N, C-alpha and C. Protein backbone atom coordinates (compact mmCIF):
# COMPACT_ATOMS: atom_id res chain seq x y z
N MET A 1 0.86 -1.17 0.00
CA MET A 1 0.00 0.00 0.00
C MET A 1 0.90 1.23 0.00
N GLY A 2 0.65 2.13 -0.91
CA GLY A 2 1.41 3.37 -0.98
C GLY A 2 0.97 4.35 0.09
N SER A 3 1.81 5.31 0.35
CA SER A 3 1.44 6.31 1.35
C SER A 3 1.06 7.61 0.65
N ARG A 4 0.27 8.37 1.33
CA ARG A 4 -0.19 9.67 0.83
C ARG A 4 0.07 10.70 1.92
N VAL A 5 -0.06 11.95 1.60
CA VAL A 5 0.19 13.03 2.54
C VAL A 5 -1.13 13.56 3.07
N LEU A 6 -1.20 13.71 4.38
CA LEU A 6 -2.35 14.33 5.04
C LEU A 6 -1.80 15.44 5.91
N SER A 7 -2.23 16.63 5.66
CA SER A 7 -1.75 17.78 6.42
C SER A 7 -2.85 18.24 7.37
N LEU A 8 -2.48 18.43 8.62
CA LEU A 8 -3.45 18.86 9.63
C LEU A 8 -2.97 20.13 10.32
N ARG A 9 -3.90 20.96 10.67
CA ARG A 9 -3.59 22.14 11.46
C ARG A 9 -4.14 21.86 12.87
N VAL A 10 -3.25 21.86 13.87
CA VAL A 10 -3.67 21.57 15.24
C VAL A 10 -3.17 22.68 16.17
N ASP A 11 -3.88 22.83 17.24
CA ASP A 11 -3.53 23.77 18.29
C ASP A 11 -2.16 23.43 18.86
N GLY A 12 -1.39 24.42 19.24
CA GLY A 12 -0.06 24.19 19.79
C GLY A 12 -0.04 23.32 21.03
N GLU A 13 -1.02 23.53 21.91
CA GLU A 13 -1.10 22.71 23.13
C GLU A 13 -1.40 21.25 22.79
N LEU A 14 -2.28 21.02 21.84
CA LEU A 14 -2.60 19.66 21.43
C LEU A 14 -1.38 18.99 20.83
N LEU A 15 -0.67 19.70 19.97
CA LEU A 15 0.53 19.12 19.36
C LEU A 15 1.56 18.76 20.43
N GLU A 16 1.73 19.60 21.43
CA GLU A 16 2.68 19.30 22.50
C GLU A 16 2.25 18.05 23.27
N ARG A 17 0.95 17.90 23.53
CA ARG A 17 0.46 16.69 24.21
C ARG A 17 0.71 15.46 23.35
N ILE A 18 0.47 15.59 22.06
CA ILE A 18 0.72 14.46 21.15
C ILE A 18 2.21 14.11 21.16
N ARG A 19 3.06 15.12 21.12
CA ARG A 19 4.51 14.88 21.17
C ARG A 19 4.90 14.14 22.45
N GLN A 20 4.32 14.54 23.57
CA GLN A 20 4.63 13.90 24.85
C GLN A 20 4.19 12.44 24.86
N HIS A 21 2.96 12.18 24.38
CA HIS A 21 2.47 10.80 24.31
C HIS A 21 3.35 9.95 23.40
N ALA A 22 3.74 10.52 22.26
CA ALA A 22 4.59 9.78 21.32
C ALA A 22 5.95 9.50 21.95
N ALA A 23 6.52 10.48 22.62
CA ALA A 23 7.83 10.32 23.24
C ALA A 23 7.81 9.24 24.32
N LYS A 24 6.73 9.19 25.10
CA LYS A 24 6.61 8.16 26.14
C LYS A 24 6.68 6.77 25.55
N ARG A 25 6.23 6.63 24.31
CA ARG A 25 6.20 5.33 23.64
C ARG A 25 7.38 5.14 22.70
N GLY A 26 8.29 6.13 22.67
CA GLY A 26 9.46 6.05 21.79
C GLY A 26 9.10 6.11 20.33
N MET A 27 8.05 6.87 20.01
CA MET A 27 7.55 6.94 18.64
C MET A 27 7.66 8.36 18.12
N SER A 28 7.65 8.48 16.81
CA SER A 28 7.54 9.81 16.20
C SER A 28 6.08 10.25 16.30
N VAL A 29 5.86 11.54 16.16
CA VAL A 29 4.49 12.07 16.18
C VAL A 29 3.68 11.43 15.06
N GLN A 30 4.28 11.30 13.89
CA GLN A 30 3.58 10.71 12.75
C GLN A 30 3.16 9.27 13.06
N ASP A 31 4.08 8.47 13.56
CA ASP A 31 3.76 7.07 13.87
C ASP A 31 2.69 6.98 14.95
N TYR A 32 2.79 7.84 15.96
CA TYR A 32 1.82 7.83 17.05
C TYR A 32 0.41 8.16 16.53
N VAL A 33 0.31 9.18 15.71
CA VAL A 33 -0.99 9.59 15.18
C VAL A 33 -1.57 8.49 14.28
N VAL A 34 -0.75 7.91 13.43
CA VAL A 34 -1.23 6.84 12.53
C VAL A 34 -1.71 5.64 13.34
N ARG A 35 -0.93 5.21 14.34
CA ARG A 35 -1.35 4.07 15.16
C ARG A 35 -2.63 4.38 15.94
N THR A 36 -2.76 5.61 16.40
CA THR A 36 -3.98 6.00 17.12
C THR A 36 -5.19 5.94 16.19
N LEU A 37 -5.03 6.42 14.97
CA LEU A 37 -6.14 6.36 14.00
C LEU A 37 -6.49 4.93 13.64
N ILE A 38 -5.49 4.09 13.47
CA ILE A 38 -5.74 2.68 13.15
C ILE A 38 -6.49 2.01 14.30
N ARG A 39 -6.04 2.26 15.52
CA ARG A 39 -6.70 1.67 16.70
C ARG A 39 -8.14 2.15 16.81
N GLU A 40 -8.38 3.43 16.59
CA GLU A 40 -9.74 3.98 16.66
C GLU A 40 -10.63 3.34 15.60
N ASP A 41 -10.08 3.17 14.40
CA ASP A 41 -10.84 2.54 13.32
C ASP A 41 -11.20 1.10 13.70
N PHE A 42 -10.24 0.37 14.27
CA PHE A 42 -10.51 -1.01 14.70
C PHE A 42 -11.59 -1.02 15.77
N ASP A 43 -11.47 -0.13 16.77
CA ASP A 43 -12.45 -0.08 17.85
C ASP A 43 -13.86 0.17 17.31
N GLU A 44 -13.98 1.08 16.34
CA GLU A 44 -15.29 1.37 15.75
C GLU A 44 -15.84 0.16 15.01
N ARG A 45 -14.99 -0.51 14.23
CA ARG A 45 -15.45 -1.69 13.48
C ARG A 45 -15.81 -2.83 14.43
N PHE A 46 -15.03 -3.01 15.49
CA PHE A 46 -15.32 -4.05 16.46
C PHE A 46 -16.65 -3.76 17.15
N GLN A 47 -16.86 -2.52 17.57
CA GLN A 47 -18.11 -2.17 18.24
C GLN A 47 -19.30 -2.34 17.31
N SER A 48 -19.13 -2.00 16.04
CA SER A 48 -20.21 -2.21 15.06
C SER A 48 -20.55 -3.69 14.94
N SER A 49 -19.53 -4.53 14.96
CA SER A 49 -19.76 -5.98 14.88
C SER A 49 -20.51 -6.49 16.10
N VAL A 50 -20.11 -6.01 17.29
CA VAL A 50 -20.79 -6.40 18.52
C VAL A 50 -22.24 -5.94 18.49
N ASP A 51 -22.46 -4.70 18.07
CA ASP A 51 -23.83 -4.16 17.99
C ASP A 51 -24.69 -4.98 17.04
N GLU A 52 -24.13 -5.33 15.88
CA GLU A 52 -24.88 -6.11 14.89
C GLU A 52 -25.19 -7.50 15.43
N THR A 53 -24.22 -8.11 16.12
CA THR A 53 -24.43 -9.43 16.70
C THR A 53 -25.54 -9.38 17.75
N GLU A 54 -25.51 -8.36 18.60
CA GLU A 54 -26.56 -8.22 19.60
C GLU A 54 -27.92 -7.97 18.95
N ARG A 55 -27.93 -7.18 17.87
CA ARG A 55 -29.18 -6.90 17.17
C ARG A 55 -29.78 -8.18 16.60
N LEU A 56 -28.91 -9.06 16.13
CA LEU A 56 -29.39 -10.32 15.57
C LEU A 56 -29.75 -11.34 16.64
N GLY A 57 -29.43 -11.04 17.89
CA GLY A 57 -29.78 -11.93 18.99
C GLY A 57 -28.90 -13.15 19.10
N ILE A 58 -27.70 -13.07 18.56
CA ILE A 58 -26.80 -14.22 18.57
C ILE A 58 -25.93 -14.22 19.81
N TRP A 59 -25.50 -13.09 20.25
CA TRP A 59 -24.56 -12.96 21.37
C TRP A 59 -25.12 -13.58 22.64
N GLY A 60 -24.39 -14.49 23.23
CA GLY A 60 -24.76 -15.05 24.53
C GLY A 60 -25.85 -16.10 24.47
N THR A 61 -26.17 -16.62 23.29
CA THR A 61 -27.24 -17.59 23.21
C THR A 61 -26.74 -19.03 23.34
N ALA A 62 -25.46 -19.25 23.13
CA ALA A 62 -24.92 -20.61 23.23
C ALA A 62 -24.81 -21.02 24.68
N THR A 63 -25.29 -22.21 25.00
CA THR A 63 -25.25 -22.69 26.38
C THR A 63 -24.62 -24.06 26.46
N TYR A 64 -23.76 -24.39 25.52
CA TYR A 64 -23.14 -25.70 25.47
C TYR A 64 -22.40 -25.97 26.77
N GLY A 65 -22.67 -27.13 27.38
CA GLY A 65 -21.97 -27.54 28.58
C GLY A 65 -22.37 -26.82 29.83
N MET A 66 -23.40 -26.00 29.78
CA MET A 66 -23.83 -25.27 30.97
C MET A 66 -24.98 -25.99 31.64
N ASP A 67 -24.97 -26.01 32.93
CA ASP A 67 -26.06 -26.62 33.70
C ASP A 67 -27.11 -25.55 33.95
N ASN A 68 -28.24 -25.66 33.33
CA ASN A 68 -29.30 -24.65 33.46
C ASN A 68 -30.36 -25.06 34.48
N SER A 69 -30.03 -25.96 35.41
CA SER A 69 -31.03 -26.43 36.36
C SER A 69 -31.22 -25.46 37.51
């Protein structure tokens, strides 16, 4: 997958906080922001899957090996 350029304008205080978070993890600001976006995207997709499963009534319906007495 090729890379593209995304330019953002952020508040100075926010950029400093991002720099601090990245430094704590030994990462560049660019790597930290990209990983954060990837993680957020995964979290949203995972939550959508959970919501859809619950909507379909599938979640928690298996009772294999459980004593229901």
